[in-house]
Amino acid sequence: THIRDPRDIMFLFACLAIGISCGASVFT
């Protein structure tokens, strides 16, 4: 999938980081 806007990539990466933090139980 082609993502044209670099800003969209940052938001997608942020969601993945949030998911990783929640999965590791680092909720703070």
PDB file of all heavy atoms in Angstrom:
ATOM      1  N   THR A   1       0.839  -1.191   0.000  1.00  0.00           N
ATOM      2  CA  THR A   1       0.000   0.000   0.000  1.00  0.00           C
ATOM      3  C   THR A   1       0.874   1.242   0.000  1.00  0.00           C
ATOM      4  O   THR A   1       1.765   1.393   0.849  1.00  0.00           O
ATOM      5  CB  THR A   1      -0.924   0.016   1.228  1.00  0.00           C
ATOM      6  OG1 THR A   1      -1.725  -1.166   1.217  1.00  0.00           O
ATOM      7  CG2 THR A   1      -1.829   1.237   1.202  1.00  0.00           C
ATOM      8  N   HIS A   2       0.595   2.155  -0.936  1.00  0.00           N
ATOM      9  CA  HIS A   2       1.393   3.368  -1.058  1.00  0.00           C
ATOM     10  C   HIS A   2       0.799   4.452  -0.164  1.00  0.00           C
ATOM     11  O   HIS A   2      -0.379   4.794  -0.276  1.00  0.00           O
ATOM     12  CB  HIS A   2       1.415   3.837  -2.517  1.00  0.00           C
ATOM     13  CG  HIS A   2       2.117   5.149  -2.700  1.00  0.00           C
ATOM     14  ND1 HIS A   2       3.469   5.299  -2.507  1.00  0.00           N
ATOM     15  CD2 HIS A   2       1.642   6.369  -3.049  1.00  0.00           C
ATOM     16  CE1 HIS A   2       3.809   6.552  -2.746  1.00  0.00           C
ATOM     17  NE2 HIS A   2       2.716   7.222  -3.063  1.00  0.00           N
ATOM     18  N   ILE A   3       1.615   5.001   0.751  1.00  0.00           N
ATOM     19  CA  ILE A   3       1.212   6.107   1.607  1.00  0.00           C
ATOM     20  C   ILE A   3       1.942   7.351   1.124  1.00  0.00           C
ATOM     21  O   ILE A   3       3.165   7.460   1.242  1.00  0.00           O
ATOM     22  CB  ILE A   3       1.524   5.823   3.085  1.00  0.00           C
ATOM     23  CG1 ILE A   3       0.790   4.557   3.534  1.00  0.00           C
ATOM     24  CG2 ILE A   3       1.132   6.995   3.963  1.00  0.00           C
ATOM     25  CD1 ILE A   3       1.067   4.163   4.966  1.00  0.00           C
ATOM     26  N   ARG A   4       1.188   8.309   0.571  1.00  0.00           N
ATOM     27  CA  ARG A   4       1.791   9.466  -0.073  1.00  0.00           C
ATOM     28  C   ARG A   4       2.283  10.513   0.921  1.00  0.00           C
ATOM     29  O   ARG A   4       3.330  11.127   0.714  1.00  0.00           O
ATOM     30  CB  ARG A   4       0.768  10.092  -1.024  1.00  0.00           C
ATOM     31  CG  ARG A   4       1.269  11.326  -1.764  1.00  0.00           C
ATOM     32  CD  ARG A   4       0.216  11.823  -2.722  1.00  0.00           C
ATOM     33  NE  ARG A   4      -1.025  12.123  -2.027  1.00  0.00           N
ATOM     34  CZ  ARG A   4      -2.123  12.535  -2.637  1.00  0.00           C
ATOM     35  NH1 ARG A   4      -2.134  12.671  -3.949  1.00  0.00           N
ATOM     36  NH2 ARG A   4      -3.214  12.794  -1.942  1.00  0.00           N
ATOM     37  N   ASP A   5       1.541  10.726   2.002  1.00  0.00           N
ATOM     38  CA  ASP A   5       1.848  11.794   2.935  1.00  0.00           C
ATOM     39  C   ASP A   5       2.709  11.262   4.076  1.00  0.00           C
ATOM     40  O   ASP A   5       2.311  10.316   4.758  1.00  0.00           O
ATOM     41  CB  ASP A   5       0.545  12.383   3.484  1.00  0.00           C
ATOM     42  CG  ASP A   5       0.772  13.701   4.210  1.00  0.00           C
ATOM     43  OD1 ASP A   5       1.938  14.028   4.484  1.00  0.00           O
ATOM     44  OD2 ASP A   5      -0.222  14.403   4.491  1.00  0.00           O
ATOM     45  N   PRO A   6       3.895  11.836   4.328  1.00  0.00           N
ATOM     46  CA  PRO A   6       4.719  11.379   5.459  1.00  0.00           C
ATOM     47  C   PRO A   6       4.008  11.536   6.797  1.00  0.00           C
ATOM     48  O   PRO A   6       4.278  10.782   7.733  1.00  0.00           O
ATOM     49  CB  PRO A   6       5.963  12.277   5.373  1.00  0.00           C
ATOM     50  CG  PRO A   6       6.011  12.732   3.946  1.00  0.00           C
ATOM     51  CD  PRO A   6       4.583  12.840   3.517  1.00  0.00           C
ATOM     52  N   ARG A   7       3.097  12.493   6.894  1.00  0.00           N
ATOM     53  CA  ARG A   7       2.342  12.679   8.137  1.00  0.00           C
ATOM     54  C   ARG A   7       1.482  11.456   8.444  1.00  0.00           C
ATOM     55  O   ARG A   7       1.328  11.083   9.611  1.00  0.00           O
ATOM     56  CB  ARG A   7       1.476  13.930   8.008  1.00  0.00           C
ATOM     57  CG  ARG A   7       0.667  14.268   9.245  1.00  0.00           C
ATOM     58  CD  ARG A   7      -0.056  15.586   9.039  1.00  0.00           C
ATOM     59  NE  ARG A   7      -0.887  15.907  10.176  1.00  0.00           N
ATOM     60  CZ  ARG A   7      -2.146  15.504  10.318  1.00  0.00           C
ATOM     61  NH1 ARG A   7      -2.703  14.753   9.374  1.00  0.00           N
ATOM     62  NH2 ARG A   7      -2.858  15.844  11.373  1.00  0.00           N
ATOM     63  N   ASP A   8       0.917  10.838   7.423  1.00  0.00           N
ATOM     64  CA  ASP A   8       0.121   9.628   7.629  1.00  0.00           C
ATOM     65  C   ASP A   8       0.978   8.500   8.194  1.00  0.00           C
ATOM     66  O   ASP A   8       0.518   7.719   9.035  1.00  0.00           O
ATOM     67  CB  ASP A   8      -0.520   9.187   6.314  1.00  0.00           C
ATOM     68  CG  ASP A   8      -1.535  10.194   5.800  1.00  0.00           C
ATOM     69  OD1 ASP A   8      -1.888  11.117   6.550  1.00  0.00           O
ATOM     70  OD2 ASP A   8      -1.964  10.064   4.640  1.00  0.00           O
ATOM     71  N   ILE A   9       2.220   8.414   7.735  1.00  0.00           N
ATOM     72  CA  ILE A   9       3.121   7.376   8.236  1.00  0.00           C
ATOM     73  C   ILE A   9       3.397   7.587   9.722  1.00  0.00           C
ATOM     74  O   ILE A   9       3.449   6.629  10.504  1.00  0.00           O
ATOM     75  CB  ILE A   9       4.431   7.369   7.423  1.00  0.00           C
ATOM     76  CG1 ILE A   9       4.145   7.094   5.940  1.00  0.00           C
ATOM     77  CG2 ILE A   9       5.407   6.338   7.974  1.00  0.00           C
ATOM     78  CD1 ILE A   9       5.369   7.144   5.069  1.00  0.00           C
ATOM     79  N   MET A  10       3.563   8.854  10.141  1.00  0.00           N
ATOM     80  CA  MET A  10       3.828   9.136  11.545  1.00  0.00           C
ATOM     81  C   MET A  10       2.642   8.747  12.425  1.00  0.00           C
ATOM     82  O   MET A  10       2.817   8.196  13.521  1.00  0.00           O
ATOM     83  CB  MET A  10       4.158  10.621  11.730  1.00  0.00           C
ATOM     84  CG  MET A  10       5.460  11.064  11.078  1.00  0.00           C
ATOM     85  SD  MET A  10       6.904  10.247  11.780  1.00  0.00           S
ATOM     86  CE  MET A  10       7.235   8.991  10.517  1.00  0.00           C
ATOM     87  N   PHE A  11       1.422   9.009  11.974  1.00  0.00           N
ATOM     88  CA  PHE A  11       0.250   8.627  12.749  1.00  0.00           C
ATOM     89  C   PHE A  11       0.124   7.105  12.829  1.00  0.00           C
ATOM     90  O   PHE A  11      -0.239   6.561  13.878  1.00  0.00           O
ATOM     91  CB  PHE A  11      -1.008   9.241  12.142  1.00  0.00           C
ATOM     92  CG  PHE A  11      -1.347  10.593  12.693  1.00  0.00           C
ATOM     93  CD1 PHE A  11      -0.802  11.738  12.139  1.00  0.00           C
ATOM     94  CD2 PHE A  11      -2.208  10.726  13.767  1.00  0.00           C
ATOM     95  CE1 PHE A  11      -1.095  12.984  12.647  1.00  0.00           C
ATOM     96  CE2 PHE A  11      -2.521  11.962  14.285  1.00  0.00           C
ATOM     97  CZ  PHE A  11      -1.962  13.105  13.725  1.00  0.00           C
ATOM     98  N   LEU A  12       0.404   6.433  11.732  1.00  0.00           N
ATOM     99  CA  LEU A  12       0.349   4.972  11.746  1.00  0.00           C
ATOM    100  C   LEU A  12       1.410   4.394  12.678  1.00  0.00           C
ATOM    101  O   LEU A  12       1.141   3.462  13.449  1.00  0.00           O
ATOM    102  CB  LEU A  12       0.538   4.443  10.323  1.00  0.00           C
ATOM    103  CG  LEU A  12       0.428   2.929  10.126  1.00  0.00           C
ATOM    104  CD1 LEU A  12      -0.936   2.427  10.589  1.00  0.00           C
ATOM    105  CD2 LEU A  12       0.659   2.559   8.668  1.00  0.00           C
ATOM    106  N   PHE A  13       2.603   4.963  12.640  1.00  0.00           N
ATOM    107  CA  PHE A  13       3.668   4.509  13.529  1.00  0.00           C
ATOM    108  C   PHE A  13       3.309   4.783  14.988  1.00  0.00           C
ATOM    109  O   PHE A  13       3.619   3.979  15.884  1.00  0.00           O
ATOM    110  CB  PHE A  13       4.981   5.207  13.165  1.00  0.00           C
ATOM    111  CG  PHE A  13       6.166   4.734  13.943  1.00  0.00           C
ATOM    112  CD1 PHE A  13       6.747   3.509  13.679  1.00  0.00           C
ATOM    113  CD2 PHE A  13       6.701   5.517  14.949  1.00  0.00           C
ATOM    114  CE1 PHE A  13       7.838   3.067  14.408  1.00  0.00           C
ATOM    115  CE2 PHE A  13       7.790   5.088  15.683  1.00  0.00           C
ATOM    116  CZ  PHE A  13       8.362   3.858  15.409  1.00  0.00           C
ATOM    117  N   ALA A  14       2.645   5.917  15.257  1.00  0.00           N
ATOM    118  CA  ALA A  14       2.234   6.236  16.627  1.00  0.00           C
ATOM    119  C   ALA A  14       1.212   5.228  17.147  1.00  0.00           C
ATOM    120  O   ALA A  14       1.270   4.814  18.313  1.00  0.00           O
ATOM    121  CB  ALA A  14       1.659   7.652  16.681  1.00  0.00           C
ATOM    122  N   CYS A  15       0.262   4.827  16.302  1.00  0.00           N
ATOM    123  CA  CYS A  15      -0.717   3.823  16.718  1.00  0.00           C
ATOM    124  C   CYS A  15      -0.048   2.485  17.020  1.00  0.00           C
ATOM    125  O   CYS A  15      -0.412   1.790  17.982  1.00  0.00           O
ATOM    126  CB  CYS A  15      -1.786   3.656  15.642  1.00  0.00           C
ATOM    127  SG  CYS A  15      -2.974   5.013  15.566  1.00  0.00           S
ATOM    128  N   LEU A  16       0.934   2.113  16.219  1.00  0.00           N
ATOM    129  CA  LEU A  16       1.661   0.867  16.490  1.00  0.00           C
ATOM    130  C   LEU A  16       2.427   0.965  17.808  1.00  0.00           C
ATOM    131  O   LEU A  16       2.488   0.000  18.579  1.00  0.00           O
ATOM    132  CB  LEU A  16       2.616   0.567  15.336  1.00  0.00           C
ATOM    133  CG  LEU A  16       1.971   0.278  13.981  1.00  0.00           C
ATOM    134  CD1 LEU A  16       3.040   0.038  12.924  1.00  0.00           C
ATOM    135  CD2 LEU A  16       1.035  -0.922  14.060  1.00  0.00           C
ATOM    136  N   ALA A  17       3.017   2.138  18.087  1.00  0.00           N
ATOM    137  CA  ALA A  17       3.735   2.322  19.347  1.00  0.00           C
ATOM    138  C   ALA A  17       2.786   2.244  20.538  1.00  0.00           C
ATOM    139  O   ALA A  17       3.127   1.674  21.585  1.00  0.00           O
ATOM    140  CB  ALA A  17       4.464   3.668  19.331  1.00  0.00           C
ATOM    141  N   ILE A  18       1.590   2.795  20.388  1.00  0.00           N
ATOM    142  CA  ILE A  18       0.594   2.705  21.460  1.00  0.00           C
ATOM    143  C   ILE A  18       0.197   1.253  21.701  1.00  0.00           C
ATOM    144  O   ILE A  18       0.086   0.788  22.834  1.00  0.00           O
ATOM    145  CB  ILE A  18      -0.630   3.553  21.105  1.00  0.00           C
ATOM    146  CG1 ILE A  18      -0.264   5.032  21.114  1.00  0.00           C
ATOM    147  CG2 ILE A  18      -1.772   3.290  22.083  1.00  0.00           C
ATOM    148  CD1 ILE A  18      -1.354   5.926  20.581  1.00  0.00           C
ATOM    149  N   GLY A  19      -0.008   0.516  20.615  1.00  0.00           N
ATOM    150  CA  GLY A  19      -0.363  -0.894  20.755  1.00  0.00           C
ATOM    151  C   GLY A  19       0.727  -1.700  21.432  1.00  0.00           C
ATOM    152  O   GLY A  19       0.443  -2.569  22.267  1.00  0.00           O
ATOM    153  N   ILE A  20       1.975  -1.416  21.089  1.00  0.00           N
ATOM    154  CA  ILE A  20       3.093  -2.131  21.716  1.00  0.00           C
ATOM    155  C   ILE A  20       3.158  -1.815  23.210  1.00  0.00           C
ATOM    156  O   ILE A  20       3.373  -2.706  24.051  1.00  0.00           O
ATOM    157  CB  ILE A  20       4.409  -1.762  21.017  1.00  0.00           C
ATOM    158  CG1 ILE A  20       4.416  -2.317  19.587  1.00  0.00           C
ATOM    159  CG2 ILE A  20       5.612  -2.283  21.798  1.00  0.00           C
ATOM    160  CD1 ILE A  20       5.599  -1.871  18.765  1.00  0.00           C
ATOM    161  N   SER A  21       2.944  -0.539  23.560  1.00  0.00           N
ATOM    162  CA  SER A  21       2.979  -0.161  24.974  1.00  0.00           C
ATOM    163  C   SER A  21       1.864  -0.841  25.760  1.00  0.00           C
ATOM    164  O   SER A  21       2.074  -1.313  26.884  1.00  0.00           O
ATOM    165  CB  SER A  21       2.865   1.362  25.105  1.00  0.00           C
ATOM    166  OG  SER A  21       3.923   2.017  24.435  1.00  0.00           O
ATOM    167  N   CYS A  22       0.669  -0.881  25.176  1.00  0.00           N
ATOM    168  CA  CYS A  22      -0.446  -1.541  25.864  1.00  0.00           C
ATOM    169  C   CYS A  22      -0.210  -3.045  25.973  1.00  0.00           C
ATOM    170  O   CYS A  22      -0.534  -3.663  26.993  1.00  0.00           O
ATOM    171  CB  CYS A  22      -1.755  -1.253  25.133  1.00  0.00           C
ATOM    172  SG  CYS A  22      -2.284   0.477  25.204  1.00  0.00           S
ATOM    173  N   GLY A  23       0.328  -3.650  24.938  1.00  0.00           N
ATOM    174  CA  GLY A  23       0.604  -5.075  24.984  1.00  0.00           C
ATOM    175  C   GLY A  23       1.649  -5.434  26.014  1.00  0.00           C
ATOM    176  O   GLY A  23       1.613  -6.518  26.605  1.00  0.00           O
ATOM    177  N   ALA A  24       2.591  -4.514  26.254  1.00  0.00           N
ATOM    178  CA  ALA A  24       3.615  -4.745  27.272  1.00  0.00           C
ATOM    179  C   ALA A  24       3.169  -4.298  28.654  1.00  0.00           C
ATOM    180  O   ALA A  24       3.971  -4.312  29.604  1.00  0.00           O
ATOM    181  CB  ALA A  24       4.897  -4.012  26.887  1.00  0.00           C
ATOM    182  N   SER A  25       1.893  -3.870  28.782  1.00  0.00           N
ATOM    183  CA  SER A  25       1.304  -3.422  30.055  1.00  0.00           C
ATOM    184  C   SER A  25       1.978  -2.180  30.607  1.00  0.00           C
ATOM    185  O   SER A  25       1.978  -1.947  31.817  1.00  0.00           O
ATOM    186  CB  SER A  25       1.352  -4.552  31.103  1.00  0.00           C
ATOM    187  OG  SER A  25       0.609  -5.676  30.658  1.00  0.00           O
ATOM    188  N   VAL A  26       2.563  -1.361  29.719  1.00  0.00           N
ATOM    189  CA  VAL A  26       3.142  -0.079  30.143  1.00  0.00           C
ATOM    190  C   VAL A  26       2.100   0.998  29.839  1.00  0.00           C
ATOM    191  O   VAL A  26       2.263   1.807  28.919  1.00  0.00           O
ATOM    192  CB  VAL A  26       4.480   0.190  29.419  1.00  0.00           C
ATOM    193  CG1 VAL A  26       5.210   1.355  30.067  1.00  0.00           C
ATOM    194  CG2 VAL A  26       5.356  -1.037  29.433  1.00  0.00           C
ATOM    195  N   PHE A  27       1.036   1.013  30.606  1.00  0.00           N
ATOM    196  CA  PHE A  27      -0.105   1.872  30.294  1.00  0.00           C
ATOM    197  C   PHE A  27       0.210   3.353  30.518  1.00  0.00           C
ATOM    198  O   PHE A  27      -0.334   4.211  29.841  1.00  0.00           O
ATOM    199  CB  PHE A  27      -1.316   1.461  31.136  1.00  0.00           C
ATOM    200  CG  PHE A  27      -1.781   0.061  30.855  1.00  0.00           C
ATOM    201  CD1 PHE A  27      -1.675  -0.924  31.821  1.00  0.00           C
ATOM    202  CD2 PHE A  27      -2.309  -0.278  29.622  1.00  0.00           C
ATOM    203  CE1 PHE A  27      -2.105  -2.218  31.575  1.00  0.00           C
ATOM    204  CE2 PHE A  27      -2.737  -1.572  29.355  1.00  0.00           C
ATOM    205  CZ  PHE A  27      -2.630  -2.541  30.336  1.00  0.00           C
ATOM    206  N   THR A  28       1.071   3.642  31.480  1.00  0.00           N
ATOM    207  CA  THR A  28       1.421   5.044  31.728  1.00  0.00           C
ATOM    208  C   THR A  28       2.116   5.656  30.516  1.00  0.00           C
ATOM    209  O   THR A  28       1.804   6.782  30.099  1.00  0.00           O
ATOM    210  CB  THR A  28       2.325   5.161  32.969  1.00  0.00           C
ATOM    211  OG1 THR A  28       1.667   4.590  34.094  1.00  0.00           O
ATOM    212  CG2 THR A  28       2.641   6.618  33.259  1.00  0.00           C
TER     213      THR A  28
END
